[in-house]
Amino acid sequence: MKNIHHLTKEVCLKHLKNYRQSAYLDLPDGTVIITGTIDSHYRKLLEQESGTTAIPFVGSGDLVPSHVVNSLQHLGVTETDDTMKAVLKICKVHPSFHPSEL
């Protein structure tokens, strides 16, 4: 299962080498949303970085955190969207975020 994180571009580039495969999308506010396969050790290190948020798994039904919604609102993501709805909106501009890819 792939992970999804919202983070700064700087942190993304720092940890990009730890992904076995990944895809990311630059957002207008200077942040990044990334999906990919990363070992649990490196995932924990990534999630300890300031400004990094782990997005709930697609099938969890959990809502996307509000500060992440703010970064994704240009794609139509709203406060009432769970992760599934959000990734369906994101995949319109980046197909690697389609639920079948996660």
C-alpha atoms as a PDB file:
ATOM      1  CA  MET A   1       0.000   0.000   0.000  1.00  0.00           C
ATOM      2  CA  LYS A   2       1.296   3.436  -0.878  1.00  0.00           C
ATOM      3  CA  ASN A   3       1.475   6.290   1.596  1.00  0.00           C
ATOM      4  CA  ILE A   4       0.313   9.848   0.956  1.00  0.00           C
ATOM      5  CA  HIS A   5       1.968  12.826   2.642  1.00  0.00           C
ATOM      6  CA  HIS A   6       1.579  16.582   2.532  1.00  0.00           C
ATOM      7  CA  LEU A   7       4.844  18.406   3.160  1.00  0.00           C
ATOM      8  CA  THR A   8       7.177  21.175   2.129  1.00  0.00           C
ATOM      9  CA  LYS A   9       9.054  20.866  -1.151  1.00  0.00           C
ATOM     10  CA  GLU A  10      12.359  20.967   0.756  1.00  0.00           C
ATOM     11  CA  VAL A  11      11.421  17.992   2.949  1.00  0.00           C
ATOM     12  CA  CYS A  12      10.037  16.131  -0.075  1.00  0.00           C
ATOM     13  CA  LEU A  13      13.294  16.455  -1.984  1.00  0.00           C
ATOM     14  CA  LYS A  14      15.310  15.477   1.095  1.00  0.00           C
ATOM     15  CA  HIS A  15      13.392  12.195   1.485  1.00  0.00           C
ATOM     16  CA  LEU A  16      12.653  11.412  -2.167  1.00  0.00           C
ATOM     17  CA  LYS A  17      15.631   9.045  -2.356  1.00  0.00           C
ATOM     18  CA  ASN A  18      14.014   6.843   0.312  1.00  0.00           C
ATOM     19  CA  TYR A  19      11.016   6.001  -1.872  1.00  0.00           C
ATOM     20  CA  ARG A  20      11.083   2.875  -4.025  1.00  0.00           C
ATOM     21  CA  GLN A  21       8.575   4.576  -6.287  1.00  0.00           C
ATOM     22  CA  SER A  22       6.804   7.878  -5.944  1.00  0.00           C
ATOM     23  CA  ALA A  23       4.853  10.628  -7.630  1.00  0.00           C
ATOM     24  CA  TYR A  24       4.296  14.113  -6.330  1.00  0.00           C
ATOM     25  CA  LEU A  25       2.377  17.222  -7.183  1.00  0.00           C
ATOM     26  CA  ASP A  26       3.595  20.742  -6.518  1.00  0.00           C
ATOM     27  CA  LEU A  27       0.835  22.863  -4.995  1.00  0.00           C
ATOM     28  CA  PRO A  28       0.301  26.617  -5.449  1.00  0.00           C
ATOM     29  CA  ASP A  29       1.086  27.394  -1.803  1.00  0.00           C
ATOM     30  CA  GLY A  30       4.602  25.944  -2.147  1.00  0.00           C
ATOM     31  CA  THR A  31       3.797  22.612  -0.521  1.00  0.00           C
ATOM     32  CA  VAL A  32       3.774  19.164  -2.115  1.00  0.00           C
ATOM     33  CA  ILE A  33       1.554  16.117  -1.929  1.00  0.00           C
ATOM     34  CA  ILE A  34       3.408  12.861  -2.520  1.00  0.00           C
ATOM     35  CA  THR A  35       2.370   9.255  -2.876  1.00  0.00           C
ATOM     36  CA  GLY A  36       4.626   6.265  -3.029  1.00  0.00           C
ATOM     37  CA  THR A  37       6.137   3.226  -1.422  1.00  0.00           C
ATOM     38  CA  ILE A  38       8.542   3.927   1.414  1.00  0.00           C
ATOM     39  CA  ASP A  39       9.923   1.574   4.063  1.00  0.00           C
ATOM     40  CA  SER A  40       8.438   2.065   7.530  1.00  0.00           C
ATOM     41  CA  HIS A  41      11.777   3.225   8.988  1.00  0.00           C
ATOM     42  CA  TYR A  42      12.076   6.019   6.423  1.00  0.00           C
ATOM     43  CA  ARG A  43       8.364   6.829   6.679  1.00  0.00           C
ATOM     44  CA  LYS A  44       8.765   7.436  10.419  1.00  0.00           C
ATOM     45  CA  LEU A  45      11.750   9.723   9.780  1.00  0.00           C
ATOM     46  CA  LEU A  46       9.748  11.610   7.147  1.00  0.00           C
ATOM     47  CA  GLU A  47       6.781  12.033   9.473  1.00  0.00           C
ATOM     48  CA  GLN A  48       9.032  13.502  12.181  1.00  0.00           C
ATOM     49  CA  GLU A  49       9.923  16.397   9.873  1.00  0.00           C
ATOM     50  CA  SER A  50       8.244  19.686  10.692  1.00  0.00           C
ATOM     51  CA  GLY A  51       5.344  20.468   8.403  1.00  0.00           C
ATOM     52  CA  THR A  52       4.794  16.876   7.269  1.00  0.00           C
ATOM     53  CA  THR A  53       1.316  15.386   7.528  1.00  0.00           C
ATOM     54  CA  ALA A  54       0.436  11.764   6.819  1.00  0.00           C
ATOM     55  CA  ILE A  55      -2.852  11.630   4.927  1.00  0.00           C
ATOM     56  CA  PRO A  56      -5.281   8.916   6.116  1.00  0.00           C
ATOM     57  CA  PHE A  57      -5.379   5.776   3.963  1.00  0.00           C
ATOM     58  CA  VAL A  58      -7.833   5.893   1.074  1.00  0.00           C
ATOM     59  CA  GLY A  59     -10.226   3.289   2.466  1.00  0.00           C
ATOM     60  CA  SER A  60     -10.292   4.660   6.015  1.00  0.00           C
ATOM     61  CA  GLY A  61     -13.179   7.082   5.473  1.00  0.00           C
ATOM     62  CA  ASP A  62     -11.244   9.700   7.458  1.00  0.00           C
ATOM     63  CA  LEU A  63     -11.438  13.342   6.457  1.00  0.00           C
ATOM     64  CA  VAL A  64      -8.463  15.150   4.993  1.00  0.00           C
ATOM     65  CA  PRO A  65      -6.875  17.454   7.618  1.00  0.00           C
ATOM     66  CA  SER A  66      -8.047  21.061   7.236  1.00  0.00           C
ATOM     67  CA  HIS A  67      -4.607  22.550   6.533  1.00  0.00           C
ATOM     68  CA  VAL A  68      -4.169  20.017   3.734  1.00  0.00           C
ATOM     69  CA  VAL A  69      -7.608  20.934   2.376  1.00  0.00           C
ATOM     70  CA  ASN A  70      -6.416  24.548   2.199  1.00  0.00           C
ATOM     71  CA  SER A  71      -3.496  23.465  -0.004  1.00  0.00           C
ATOM     72  CA  LEU A  72      -5.772  21.390  -2.252  1.00  0.00           C
ATOM     73  CA  GLN A  73      -8.784  23.684  -2.539  1.00  0.00           C
ATOM     74  CA  HIS A  74      -7.730  24.784  -6.053  1.00  0.00           C
ATOM     75  CA  LEU A  75      -8.483  21.177  -7.076  1.00  0.00           C
ATOM     76  CA  GLY A  76     -11.946  21.288  -5.520  1.00  0.00           C
ATOM     77  CA  VAL A  77     -11.063  19.483  -2.278  1.00  0.00           C
ATOM     78  CA  THR A  78     -13.337  20.570   0.592  1.00  0.00           C
ATOM     79  CA  GLU A  79     -13.517  20.124   4.368  1.00  0.00           C
ATOM     80  CA  THR A  80     -16.141  17.389   3.922  1.00  0.00           C
ATOM     81  CA  ASP A  81     -13.946  15.228   1.668  1.00  0.00           C
ATOM     82  CA  ASP A  82     -12.494  11.998   2.940  1.00  0.00           C
ATOM     83  CA  THR A  83      -9.227  10.776   1.453  1.00  0.00           C
ATOM     84  CA  MET A  84     -10.994   8.837  -1.311  1.00  0.00           C
ATOM     85  CA  LYS A  85     -12.885  11.895  -2.549  1.00  0.00           C
ATOM     86  CA  ALA A  86      -9.741  14.017  -2.314  1.00  0.00           C
ATOM     87  CA  VAL A  87      -7.550  11.629  -4.331  1.00  0.00           C
ATOM     88  CA  LEU A  88     -10.239  11.352  -7.000  1.00  0.00           C
ATOM     89  CA  LYS A  89     -10.031  15.133  -7.373  1.00  0.00           C
ATOM     90  CA  ILE A  90      -6.223  15.112  -7.328  1.00  0.00           C
ATOM     91  CA  CYS A  91      -6.024  12.356  -9.955  1.00  0.00           C
ATOM     92  CA  LYS A  92      -7.722  14.652 -12.456  1.00  0.00           C
ATOM     93  CA  VAL A  93      -4.377  16.467 -12.707  1.00  0.00           C
ATOM     94  CA  HIS A  94      -2.037  13.613 -11.710  1.00  0.00           C
ATOM     95  CA  PRO A  95      -3.120  10.037 -12.578  1.00  0.00           C
ATOM     96  CA  SER A  96      -0.725   8.453 -10.041  1.00  0.00           C
ATOM     97  CA  PHE A  97      -3.127   9.565  -7.320  1.00  0.00           C
ATOM     98  CA  HIS A  98      -5.969   7.426  -8.678  1.00  0.00           C
ATOM     99  CA  PRO A  99      -7.193   5.028  -5.959  1.00  0.00           C
ATOM    100  CA  SER A 100      -6.326   2.035  -8.151  1.00  0.00           C
ATOM    101  CA  GLU A 101      -2.689   3.207  -8.057  1.00  0.00           C
ATOM    102  CA  LEU A 102      -2.665   3.516  -4.275  1.00  0.00           C
END
